Amino acid sequence: MRDLLLNAPDAILLPPRRPQVQPEAGAAGIEVSWARHQDEVRAAQRLRFEVFAGEMGARLCTPLPGHDVDLFDDFCEHLLVRDEATREVIGTYRVLTPAQARRVGSTYSDTEFDLTRLRDLRERMVELGRSCVHPAHRHGGVILALWGALAGFMQRNRLDTMIGCASIPMWHQGVTSGDAAASIWRQLSATHMAPIRYHVQPRLPLPVDRLDGSLRVEPPALIRGYLRLGAKVLGAPAWDPDFNTADLPLLMRLEDLPLRYRRHFLGD
């Protein structure tokens, strides 16, 4: 997920309880940890810039050249995966907790969708964003390490819901327009929709009705992974012109994790 307006001004005045951030175990050859200081956050931001701007062609408005930096970063916990041999950061997620969302006044997802219908979930809901993996390390081990650390974080801090924007590049599987995104939306709207009480509206909708939604294309690997974990689609995709992607709003709840994944990530 690449990435909630809360009307609680009294909460903004109180210092939020910091989430429990602990060292994480990684698979062979990689190390998983939470950023502890600014230098480590900068390493994640450099990887994000390399992937989003260098690889995907995103137009990033950043105050620091060569880094993907936005106003949410200072409020997030940053999860890092390093190559043990080189110490290079090869994967990252950022996590915005409910307390920090109150402090910043919004989440990234709020800039793309009207999340009013999620108001009853927000006290125990985090936003996942800016997920990326170095192109030389896109294998299951890195993704599983990230997800395992995220599941442990959620459980330790008594949080149960994750939201975020899952991106579909406009050039997905050789299709260079929004047709691939429209086709993926058509498929998933028939099979993986959340209950209607959680549906959200895009602020800048992808014009799916004017696109060819009949193509036989698969969702990107990360979205397929989220769906296997029990994620649900919350509504039609938004268009992100800066990243040139169609963004699907997704919701995952720990209670919806299939049993085999609960055992793997939570030890249940």
C-alpha atoms as a PDB file:
ATOM      1  CA  MET A   1       0.000   0.000   0.000  1.00  0.00           C
ATOM      2  CA  ARG A   2       1.499   3.263  -1.004  1.00  0.00           C
ATOM      3  CA  ASP A   3       0.197   4.862   0.970  1.00  0.00           C
ATOM      4  CA  LEU A   4      -8.181  10.312   7.934  1.00  0.00           C
ATOM      5  CA  LEU A   5      -9.229  13.478   8.982  1.00  0.00           C
ATOM      6  CA  LEU A   6     -10.003  13.198  12.687  1.00  0.00           C
ATOM      7  CA  ASN A   7     -12.005  15.887  14.493  1.00  0.00           C
ATOM      8  CA  ALA A   8     -10.340  15.575  17.880  1.00  0.00           C
ATOM      9  CA  PRO A   9      -8.565  18.868  18.646  1.00  0.00           C
ATOM     10  CA  ASP A  10      -8.220  17.995  22.331  1.00  0.00           C
ATOM     11  CA  ALA A  11      -6.209  14.891  21.400  1.00  0.00           C
ATOM     12  CA  ILE A  12      -3.789  16.994  19.353  1.00  0.00           C
ATOM     13  CA  LEU A  13      -2.783  18.888  22.498  1.00  0.00           C
ATOM     14  CA  LEU A  14      -1.779  15.721  24.329  1.00  0.00           C
ATOM     15  CA  PRO A  15       1.524  13.917  23.708  1.00  0.00           C
ATOM     16  CA  PRO A  16       0.565  10.666  21.978  1.00  0.00           C
ATOM     17  CA  ARG A  17       1.558   7.336  23.423  1.00  0.00           C
ATOM     18  CA  ARG A  18       4.416   6.135  21.260  1.00  0.00           C
ATOM     19  CA  PRO A  19       3.825   2.699  19.750  1.00  0.00           C
ATOM     20  CA  GLN A  20       5.890  -0.240  20.863  1.00  0.00           C
ATOM     21  CA  VAL A  21       8.644  -0.599  18.261  1.00  0.00           C
ATOM     22  CA  GLN A  22      10.877  -3.599  18.794  1.00  0.00           C
ATOM     23  CA  PRO A  23      13.670  -5.280  16.817  1.00  0.00           C
ATOM     24  CA  GLU A  24      12.376  -7.774  14.296  1.00  0.00           C
ATOM     25  CA  ALA A  25      13.680 -11.100  13.112  1.00  0.00           C
ATOM     26  CA  GLY A  26      14.498 -11.427   9.422  1.00  0.00           C
ATOM     27  CA  ALA A  27      15.047 -14.245   6.992  1.00  0.00           C
ATOM     28  CA  ALA A  28      18.514 -15.440   6.053  1.00  0.00           C
ATOM     29  CA  GLY A  29      20.591 -12.653   4.537  1.00  0.00           C
ATOM     30  CA  ILE A  30      18.267  -9.821   5.479  1.00  0.00           C
ATOM     31  CA  GLU A  31      17.686  -7.808   8.620  1.00  0.00           C
ATOM     32  CA  VAL A  32      14.389  -6.154   9.595  1.00  0.00           C
ATOM     33  CA  SER A  33      14.300  -3.159  11.933  1.00  0.00           C
ATOM     34  CA  TRP A  34      12.450   0.048  12.717  1.00  0.00           C
ATOM     35  CA  ALA A  35      14.213   3.335  11.975  1.00  0.00           C
ATOM     36  CA  ARG A  36      15.645   4.807  15.170  1.00  0.00           C
ATOM     37  CA  HIS A  37      17.094   8.076  13.893  1.00  0.00           C
ATOM     38  CA  GLN A  38      16.963  10.453  10.954  1.00  0.00           C
ATOM     39  CA  ASP A  39      19.822   8.861   9.021  1.00  0.00           C
ATOM     40  CA  GLU A  40      17.863   5.621   8.788  1.00  0.00           C
ATOM     41  CA  VAL A  41      14.741   7.441   7.638  1.00  0.00           C
ATOM     42  CA  ARG A  42      16.851   9.173   4.973  1.00  0.00           C
ATOM     43  CA  ALA A  43      18.021   5.768   3.703  1.00  0.00           C
ATOM     44  CA  ALA A  44      14.376   4.720   3.262  1.00  0.00           C
ATOM     45  CA  GLN A  45      13.588   7.986   1.505  1.00  0.00           C
ATOM     46  CA  ARG A  46      16.489   7.468  -0.914  1.00  0.00           C
ATOM     47  CA  LEU A  47      15.186   4.006  -1.809  1.00  0.00           C
ATOM     48  CA  ARG A  48      11.705   5.422  -2.318  1.00  0.00           C
ATOM     49  CA  PHE A  49      13.060   8.118  -4.629  1.00  0.00           C
ATOM     50  CA  GLU A  50      15.002   5.521  -6.624  1.00  0.00           C
ATOM     51  CA  VAL A  51      11.908   3.354  -7.103  1.00  0.00           C
ATOM     52  CA  PHE A  52       9.172   5.971  -7.453  1.00  0.00           C
ATOM     53  CA  ALA A  53      11.014   8.657  -9.425  1.00  0.00           C
ATOM     54  CA  GLY A  54      13.808   6.697 -11.107  1.00  0.00           C
ATOM     55  CA  GLU A  55      11.884   3.546 -11.982  1.00  0.00           C
ATOM     56  CA  MET A  56       8.236   4.636 -12.121  1.00  0.00           C
ATOM     57  CA  GLY A  57       8.792   8.189 -13.363  1.00  0.00           C
ATOM     58  CA  ALA A  58       6.878   9.852 -10.512  1.00  0.00           C
ATOM     59  CA  ARG A  59       7.006  13.627 -10.254  1.00  0.00           C
ATOM     60  CA  LEU A  60       7.987  14.141  -6.639  1.00  0.00           C
ATOM     61  CA  CYS A  61       7.828  17.512  -4.934  1.00  0.00           C
ATOM     62  CA  THR A  62      10.587  17.003  -2.386  1.00  0.00           C
ATOM     63  CA  PRO A  63      12.621  19.441  -0.278  1.00  0.00           C
ATOM     64  CA  LEU A  64      15.667  17.156  -0.397  1.00  0.00           C
ATOM     65  CA  PRO A  65      17.108  16.160  -3.812  1.00  0.00           C
ATOM     66  CA  GLY A  66      17.353  12.412  -4.333  1.00  0.00           C
ATOM     67  CA  HIS A  67      14.916  11.684  -1.486  1.00  0.00           C
ATOM     68  CA  ASP A  68      11.157  11.104  -1.466  1.00  0.00           C
ATOM     69  CA  VAL A  69      10.047  13.306   1.443  1.00  0.00           C
ATOM     70  CA  ASP A  70       6.546  14.484   2.310  1.00  0.00           C
ATOM     71  CA  LEU A  71       4.792  16.017   5.308  1.00  0.00           C
ATOM     72  CA  PHE A  72       3.699  12.641   6.725  1.00  0.00           C
ATOM     73  CA  ASP A  73       7.196  11.203   7.117  1.00  0.00           C
ATOM     74  CA  ASP A  74       7.965  12.949  10.409  1.00  0.00           C
ATOM     75  CA  PHE A  75       4.843  11.443  11.969  1.00  0.00           C
ATOM     76  CA  CYS A  76       5.378   7.854  10.772  1.00  0.00           C
ATOM     77  CA  GLU A  77       7.255   4.822  11.997  1.00  0.00           C
ATOM     78  CA  HIS A  78       9.556   3.568   9.227  1.00  0.00           C
ATOM     79  CA  LEU A  79      10.152  -0.149   8.742  1.00  0.00           C
ATOM     80  CA  LEU A  80      13.404  -1.113   7.032  1.00  0.00           C
ATOM     81  CA  VAL A  81      14.771  -4.278   5.463  1.00  0.00           C
ATOM     82  CA  ARG A  82      18.550  -4.339   4.988  1.00  0.00           C
ATOM     83  CA  ASP A  83      20.867  -6.614   3.094  1.00  0.00           C
ATOM     84  CA  GLU A  84      23.014  -8.056   5.876  1.00  0.00           C
ATOM     85  CA  ALA A  85      26.118  -8.156   3.689  1.00  0.00           C
ATOM     86  CA  THR A  86      25.992  -4.602   2.316  1.00  0.00           C
ATOM     87  CA  ARG A  87      23.852  -2.909   5.004  1.00  0.00           C
ATOM     88  CA  GLU A  88      21.866  -1.340   2.157  1.00  0.00           C
ATOM     89  CA  VAL A  89      18.171  -0.638   2.759  1.00  0.00           C
ATOM     90  CA  ILE A  90      16.374  -2.820   0.211  1.00  0.00           C
ATOM     91  CA  GLY A  91      12.774  -2.555   1.388  1.00  0.00           C
ATOM     92  CA  THR A  92      10.617  -0.186   3.386  1.00  0.00           C
ATOM     93  CA  TYR A  93       7.122   0.632   4.628  1.00  0.00           C
ATOM     94  CA  ARG A  94       5.938   3.554   6.680  1.00  0.00           C
ATOM     95  CA  VAL A  95       3.207   3.280   9.296  1.00  0.00           C
ATOM     96  CA  LEU A  96       0.988   6.112  10.523  1.00  0.00           C
ATOM     97  CA  THR A  97      -0.693   5.249  13.825  1.00  0.00           C
ATOM     98  CA  PRO A  98      -4.041   6.659  15.003  1.00  0.00           C
ATOM     99  CA  ALA A  99      -2.358   8.956  17.546  1.00  0.00           C
ATOM    100  CA  GLN A 100       0.026  10.340  14.950  1.00  0.00           C
ATOM    101  CA  ALA A 101      -2.797  10.721  12.416  1.00  0.00           C
ATOM    102  CA  ARG A 102      -4.526  12.963  14.940  1.00  0.00           C
ATOM    103  CA  ARG A 103      -1.368  15.020  15.302  1.00  0.00           C
ATOM    104  CA  VAL A 104      -0.826  15.582  11.584  1.00  0.00           C
ATOM    105  CA  GLY A 105      -4.573  15.968  10.983  1.00  0.00           C
ATOM    106  CA  SER A 106      -4.854  13.571   8.058  1.00  0.00           C
ATOM    107  CA  THR A 107      -3.439  10.541   6.339  1.00  0.00           C
ATOM    108  CA  TYR A 108      -2.104  10.237   2.821  1.00  0.00           C
ATOM    109  CA  SER A 109      -5.184   8.213   1.915  1.00  0.00           C
ATOM    110  CA  ASP A 110      -7.356  11.192   2.863  1.00  0.00           C
ATOM    111  CA  THR A 111      -5.777  13.188   0.065  1.00  0.00           C
ATOM    112  CA  GLU A 112      -7.069  10.630  -2.446  1.00  0.00           C
ATOM    113  CA  PHE A 113     -10.345   9.414  -0.925  1.00  0.00           C
ATOM    114  CA  ASP A 114     -13.218  10.559   1.256  1.00  0.00           C
ATOM    115  CA  LEU A 115     -12.870   8.146   4.174  1.00  0.00           C
ATOM    116  CA  THR A 116     -15.903   9.300   6.151  1.00  0.00           C
ATOM    117  CA  ARG A 117     -17.365   5.810   6.338  1.00  0.00           C
ATOM    118  CA  LEU A 118     -14.278   4.503   8.124  1.00  0.00           C
ATOM    119  CA  ARG A 119     -14.709   6.811  11.124  1.00  0.00           C
ATOM    120  CA  ASP A 120     -15.747   3.978  13.465  1.00  0.00           C
ATOM    121  CA  LEU A 121     -12.545   2.036  12.674  1.00  0.00           C
ATOM    122  CA  ARG A 122     -10.018   4.808  13.148  1.00  0.00           C
ATOM    123  CA  GLU A 123      -9.135   4.417  16.807  1.00  0.00           C
ATOM    124  CA  ARG A 124      -7.438   1.094  16.043  1.00  0.00           C
ATOM    125  CA  MET A 125      -6.512   1.673  12.411  1.00  0.00           C
ATOM    126  CA  VAL A 126      -3.094   2.397  10.918  1.00  0.00           C
ATOM    127  CA  GLU A 127      -2.206   3.577   7.454  1.00  0.00           C
ATOM    128  CA  LEU A 128       0.466   1.728   5.521  1.00  0.00           C
ATOM    129  CA  GLY A 129       2.235   3.666   2.817  1.00  0.00           C
ATOM    130  CA  ARG A 130       5.246   4.209   0.590  1.00  0.00           C
ATOM    131  CA  SER A 131       5.969   0.484   0.346  1.00  0.00           C
ATOM    132  CA  CYS A 132       8.757  -0.401  -2.054  1.00  0.00           C
ATOM    133  CA  VAL A 133      11.507  -2.960  -2.589  1.00  0.00           C
ATOM    134  CA  HIS A 134      14.792  -2.519  -4.454  1.00  0.00           C
ATOM    135  CA  PRO A 135      14.491  -4.059  -7.962  1.00  0.00           C
ATOM    136  CA  ALA A 136      17.377  -6.473  -7.285  1.00  0.00           C
ATOM    137  CA  HIS A 137      15.637  -7.918  -4.217  1.00  0.00           C
ATOM    138  CA  ARG A 138      12.027  -8.451  -5.260  1.00  0.00           C
ATOM    139  CA  HIS A 139      11.510 -11.910  -3.885  1.00  0.00           C
ATOM    140  CA  GLY A 140       9.166 -13.377  -1.335  1.00  0.00           C
ATOM    141  CA  GLY A 141      11.614 -13.207   1.544  1.00  0.00           C
ATOM    142  CA  VAL A 142      11.688  -9.410   1.687  1.00  0.00           C
ATOM    143  CA  ILE A 143       7.914  -9.045   1.433  1.00  0.00           C
ATOM    144  CA  LEU A 144       7.276 -11.735   4.062  1.00  0.00           C
ATOM    145  CA  ALA A 145       9.789 -10.090   6.394  1.00  0.00           C
ATOM    146  CA  LEU A 146       8.006  -6.742   6.034  1.00  0.00           C
ATOM    147  CA  TRP A 147       4.579  -8.266   6.589  1.00  0.00           C
ATOM    148  CA  GLY A 148       5.735 -10.286   9.585  1.00  0.00           C
ATOM    149  CA  ALA A 149       7.136  -7.164  11.256  1.00  0.00           C
ATOM    150  CA  LEU A 150       3.947  -5.233  10.511  1.00  0.00           C
ATOM    151  CA  ALA A 151       1.758  -7.968  11.989  1.00  0.00           C
ATOM    152  CA  GLY A 152       3.856  -8.015  15.161  1.00  0.00           C
ATOM    153  CA  PHE A 153       3.659  -4.217  15.415  1.00  0.00           C
ATOM    154  CA  MET A 154      -0.126  -4.320  15.117  1.00  0.00           C
ATOM    155  CA  GLN A 155      -0.499  -7.028  17.726  1.00  0.00           C
ATOM    156  CA  ARG A 156       1.841  -5.380  20.270  1.00  0.00           C
ATOM    157  CA  ASN A 157       0.053  -2.060  19.987  1.00  0.00           C
ATOM    158  CA  ARG A 158      -3.486  -3.489  20.055  1.00  0.00           C
ATOM    159  CA  LEU A 159      -4.302  -2.251  16.575  1.00  0.00           C
ATOM    160  CA  ASP A 160      -6.440  -4.340  14.267  1.00  0.00           C
ATOM    161  CA  THR A 161      -7.044  -2.558  10.950  1.00  0.00           C
ATOM    162  CA  MET A 162      -4.766  -1.405   8.129  1.00  0.00           C
ATOM    163  CA  ILE A 163      -5.636   0.837   5.207  1.00  0.00           C
ATOM    164  CA  GLY A 164      -3.685   2.217   2.288  1.00  0.00           C
ATOM    165  CA  CYS A 165      -3.579   3.028  -1.407  1.00  0.00           C
ATOM    166  CA  ALA A 166      -2.400   0.152  -3.603  1.00  0.00           C
ATOM    167  CA  SER A 167      -1.024   1.387  -6.904  1.00  0.00           C
ATOM    168  CA  ILE A 168      -1.510   0.075 -10.432  1.00  0.00           C
ATOM    169  CA  PRO A 169       0.996   1.651 -12.867  1.00  0.00           C
ATOM    170  CA  MET A 170      -0.502   3.042 -16.038  1.00  0.00           C
ATOM    171  CA  TRP A 171       1.918   0.860 -18.023  1.00  0.00           C
ATOM    172  CA  HIS A 172       0.921  -2.344 -16.217  1.00  0.00           C
ATOM    173  CA  GLN A 173       1.602  -5.557 -18.213  1.00  0.00           C
ATOM    174  CA  GLY A 174       2.348  -3.699 -21.419  1.00  0.00           C
ATOM    175  CA  VAL A 175      -0.879  -1.681 -21.382  1.00  0.00           C
ATOM    176  CA  THR A 176       0.034   1.993 -21.419  1.00  0.00           C
ATOM    177  CA  SER A 177      -3.266   3.617 -20.476  1.00  0.00           C
ATOM    178  CA  GLY A 178      -5.778   3.262 -17.677  1.00  0.00           C
ATOM    179  CA  ASP A 179      -7.345   0.228 -19.359  1.00  0.00           C
ATOM    180  CA  ALA A 180      -5.389  -2.211 -17.200  1.00  0.00           C
ATOM    181  CA  ALA A 181      -6.483  -0.451 -14.013  1.00  0.00           C
ATOM    182  CA  ALA A 182     -10.095  -0.338 -15.207  1.00  0.00           C
ATOM    183  CA  SER A 183      -9.963  -4.066 -15.973  1.00  0.00           C
ATOM    184  CA  ILE A 184      -8.448  -4.915 -12.587  1.00  0.00           C
ATOM    185  CA  TRP A 185     -11.102  -2.795 -10.869  1.00  0.00           C
ATOM    186  CA  ARG A 186     -13.846  -4.613 -12.797  1.00  0.00           C
ATOM    187  CA  GLN A 187     -12.464  -7.995 -11.715  1.00  0.00           C
ATOM    188  CA  LEU A 188     -11.921  -7.126  -8.057  1.00  0.00           C
ATOM    189  CA  SER A 189     -15.225  -5.277  -7.682  1.00  0.00           C
ATOM    190  CA  ALA A 190     -16.925  -8.573  -8.407  1.00  0.00           C
ATOM    191  CA  THR A 191     -14.875 -10.680  -6.000  1.00  0.00           C
ATOM    192  CA  HIS A 192     -13.129  -8.674  -3.259  1.00  0.00           C
ATOM    193  CA  MET A 193     -15.310  -5.741  -2.213  1.00  0.00           C
ATOM    194  CA  ALA A 194     -15.640  -4.710   1.427  1.00  0.00           C
ATOM    195  CA  PRO A 195     -19.138  -4.389   2.930  1.00  0.00           C
ATOM    196  CA  ILE A 196     -20.929  -1.321   1.594  1.00  0.00           C
ATOM    197  CA  ARG A 197     -20.770   0.437   4.983  1.00  0.00           C
ATOM    198  CA  TYR A 198     -17.003   0.839   4.427  1.00  0.00           C
ATOM    199  CA  HIS A 199     -17.080   2.075   0.827  1.00  0.00           C
ATOM    200  CA  VAL A 200     -15.142   5.259   0.078  1.00  0.00           C
ATOM    201  CA  GLN A 201     -15.152   7.754  -2.784  1.00  0.00           C
ATOM    202  CA  PRO A 202     -12.114   8.862  -4.832  1.00  0.00           C
ATOM    203  CA  ARG A 203     -11.443  12.591  -4.896  1.00  0.00           C
ATOM    204  CA  LEU A 204     -10.016  12.390  -8.425  1.00  0.00           C
ATOM    205  CA  PRO A 205     -11.672   9.305  -9.922  1.00  0.00           C
ATOM    206  CA  LEU A 206     -10.052   7.296 -12.664  1.00  0.00           C
ATOM    207  CA  PRO A 207     -12.684   7.490 -15.469  1.00  0.00           C
ATOM    208  CA  VAL A 208     -13.241   3.734 -15.511  1.00  0.00           C
ATOM    209  CA  ASP A 209     -16.515   4.040 -17.442  1.00  0.00           C
ATOM    210  CA  ARG A 210     -14.638   5.560 -20.373  1.00  0.00           C
ATOM    211  CA  LEU A 211     -11.871   2.952 -20.360  1.00  0.00           C
ATOM    212  CA  ASP A 212     -11.687  -0.618 -21.631  1.00  0.00           C
ATOM    213  CA  GLY A 213     -12.367  -2.766 -18.583  1.00  0.00           C
ATOM    214  CA  SER A 214     -12.506  -6.059 -20.487  1.00  0.00           C
ATOM    215  CA  LEU A 215      -8.773  -6.863 -20.608  1.00  0.00           C
ATOM    216  CA  ARG A 216      -7.484 -10.071 -19.056  1.00  0.00           C
ATOM    217  CA  VAL A 217      -4.744  -8.695 -16.844  1.00  0.00           C
ATOM    218  CA  GLU A 218      -3.647  -9.697 -13.369  1.00  0.00           C
ATOM    219  CA  PRO A 219      -3.306  -7.216 -10.513  1.00  0.00           C
ATOM    220  CA  PRO A 220       0.260  -6.290  -9.534  1.00  0.00           C
ATOM    221  CA  ALA A 221       1.970  -8.874  -7.320  1.00  0.00           C
ATOM    222  CA  LEU A 222       1.685  -6.757  -4.172  1.00  0.00           C
ATOM    223  CA  ILE A 223      -2.073  -6.369  -4.580  1.00  0.00           C
ATOM    224  CA  ARG A 224      -2.419 -10.121  -5.146  1.00  0.00           C
ATOM    225  CA  GLY A 225      -0.484 -10.639  -1.930  1.00  0.00           C
ATOM    226  CA  TYR A 226      -2.771  -8.313   0.005  1.00  0.00           C
ATOM    227  CA  LEU A 227      -5.818 -10.140  -1.315  1.00  0.00           C
ATOM    228  CA  ARG A 228      -4.386 -13.474  -0.172  1.00  0.00           C
ATOM    229  CA  LEU A 229      -4.053 -11.928   3.296  1.00  0.00           C
ATOM    230  CA  GLY A 230      -7.757 -11.114   3.304  1.00  0.00           C
ATOM    231  CA  ALA A 231      -7.684  -7.493   2.103  1.00  0.00           C
ATOM    232  CA  LYS A 232     -10.858  -5.935   0.732  1.00  0.00           C
ATOM    233  CA  VAL A 233     -11.324  -3.201  -1.854  1.00  0.00           C
ATOM    234  CA  LEU A 234     -13.105  -0.117  -0.518  1.00  0.00           C
ATOM    235  CA  GLY A 235     -14.105   1.514  -3.784  1.00  0.00           C
ATOM    236  CA  ALA A 236     -13.215   2.604  -7.283  1.00  0.00           C
ATOM    237  CA  PRO A 237      -9.646   3.722  -8.043  1.00  0.00           C
ATOM    238  CA  ALA A 238      -8.377   7.266  -7.842  1.00  0.00           C
ATOM    239  CA  TRP A 239      -5.931   8.678 -10.344  1.00  0.00           C
ATOM    240  CA  ASP A 240      -2.678   9.969  -8.887  1.00  0.00           C
ATOM    241  CA  PRO A 241      -1.211  12.256 -11.556  1.00  0.00           C
ATOM    242  CA  ASP A 242       2.103  12.759  -9.738  1.00  0.00           C
ATOM    243  CA  PHE A 243       2.822   9.030  -9.590  1.00  0.00           C
ATOM    244  CA  ASN A 244       0.865   8.319 -12.802  1.00  0.00           C
ATOM    245  CA  THR A 245      -0.905   5.423 -11.135  1.00  0.00           C
ATOM    246  CA  ALA A 246      -4.415   4.259 -10.424  1.00  0.00           C
ATOM    247  CA  ASP A 247      -4.740   3.786  -6.668  1.00  0.00           C
ATOM    248  CA  LEU A 248      -7.125   1.272  -5.154  1.00  0.00           C
ATOM    249  CA  PRO A 249      -8.213   1.844  -1.534  1.00  0.00           C
ATOM    250  CA  LEU A 250      -7.651  -1.354   0.444  1.00  0.00           C
ATOM    251  CA  LEU A 251      -8.514  -2.422   3.980  1.00  0.00           C
ATOM    252  CA  MET A 252      -7.032  -5.342   5.900  1.00  0.00           C
ATOM    253  CA  ARG A 253      -8.094  -6.525   9.359  1.00  0.00           C
ATOM    254  CA  LEU A 254      -6.110  -8.951  11.470  1.00  0.00           C
ATOM    255  CA  GLU A 255      -9.293 -10.908  12.206  1.00  0.00           C
ATOM    256  CA  ASP A 256      -9.630 -11.594   8.473  1.00  0.00           C
ATOM    257  CA  LEU A 257      -6.179 -13.153   8.090  1.00  0.00           C
ATOM    258  CA  PRO A 258      -6.516 -16.737   6.827  1.00  0.00           C
ATOM    259  CA  LEU A 259      -5.530 -19.274   9.458  1.00  0.00           C
ATOM    260  CA  ARG A 260      -2.251 -20.256   7.814  1.00  0.00           C
ATOM    261  CA  TYR A 261      -1.121 -16.627   7.743  1.00  0.00           C
ATOM    262  CA  ARG A 262      -2.216 -16.053  11.358  1.00  0.00           C
ATOM    263  CA  ARG A 263      -0.028 -18.980  12.374  1.00  0.00           C
ATOM    264  CA  HIS A 264       2.899 -17.708  10.295  1.00  0.00           C
ATOM    265  CA  PHE A 265       2.774 -14.051  11.332  1.00  0.00           C
ATOM    266  CA  LEU A 266       1.122 -14.132  14.772  1.00  0.00           C
ATOM    267  CA  GLY A 267       1.785 -17.635  16.025  1.00  0.00           C
ATOM    268  CA  ASP A 268      -1.920 -18.299  16.667  1.00  0.00           C
END
